[in-house]
Protein backbone atom coordinates (compact mmCIF):
# COMPACT_ATOMS: atom_id res chain seq x y z
CA UNK A 1 16.22 -1.35 21.53
CA UNK A 2 13.00 -0.22 23.16
CA UNK A 3 10.27 1.26 20.96
CA UNK A 4 7.19 3.05 22.15
CA UNK A 5 3.83 1.48 21.35
CA UNK A 6 3.07 4.11 18.72
CA UNK A 7 6.40 3.58 16.93
CA UNK A 8 5.97 -0.20 17.10
CA UNK A 9 2.48 0.08 15.58
CA UNK A 10 3.76 2.29 12.75
CA UNK A 11 6.63 -0.11 12.08
CA UNK A 12 4.26 -3.10 12.02
CA UNK A 13 1.95 -1.27 9.62
CA UNK A 14 4.87 -0.43 7.31
CA UNK A 15 6.04 -4.05 7.26
CA UNK A 16 2.49 -5.18 6.49
CA UNK A 17 2.17 -2.64 3.68
CA UNK A 18 5.51 -3.62 2.14
CA UNK A 19 4.55 -7.30 2.36
CA UNK A 20 1.23 -6.70 0.61
CA UNK A 21 2.93 -4.68 -2.12
CA UNK A 22 5.54 -7.39 -2.70
CA UNK A 23 2.86 -10.09 -2.90
CA UNK A 24 0.86 -7.99 -5.37
CA UNK A 25 4.00 -7.43 -7.47
CA UNK A 26 4.71 -11.17 -7.56
CA UNK A 27 1.14 -12.00 -8.53
CA UNK A 28 1.30 -9.33 -11.24
CA UNK A 29 4.41 -10.96 -12.70
CA UNK A 30 2.73 -14.36 -12.83
CA UNK A 31 4.90 -15.90 -10.15
CA UNK A 32 1.91 -17.39 -8.35
CA UNK A 33 1.60 -20.03 -11.08
CA UNK A 34 5.31 -20.88 -10.80
CA UNK A 35 5.08 -21.35 -7.04
CA UNK A 36 1.91 -23.42 -7.41
CA UNK A 37 3.58 -25.73 -9.95
CA UNK A 38 6.60 -26.19 -7.69
CA UNK A 39 4.33 -27.05 -4.77
CA UNK A 40 2.52 -29.65 -6.86
CA UNK A 41 5.82 -31.17 -7.96
CA UNK A 42 7.04 -31.43 -4.38
CA UNK A 43 3.86 -33.23 -3.35
CA UNK A 44 3.87 -35.61 -6.30
CA UNK A 45 7.60 -36.38 -6.52
CA UNK A 46 9.18 -35.97 -3.09
CA UNK A 47 6.42 -36.85 -0.67
CA UNK A 48 4.76 -39.38 -2.94
CA UNK A 49 1.18 -38.14 -2.83
CA UNK A 50 -1.03 -38.96 -5.77
């Protein structure tokens, strides 16, 4: 599938916009804290840091 440069740019912008909206939705739901806690647990338990 061959897209023109203008169509490719529009598609990239739409993907970026959707990504930003999904991140904002997750932050609004408080999921950032959940992900942060899971990351800490991986570092402390699995990898053995700390």
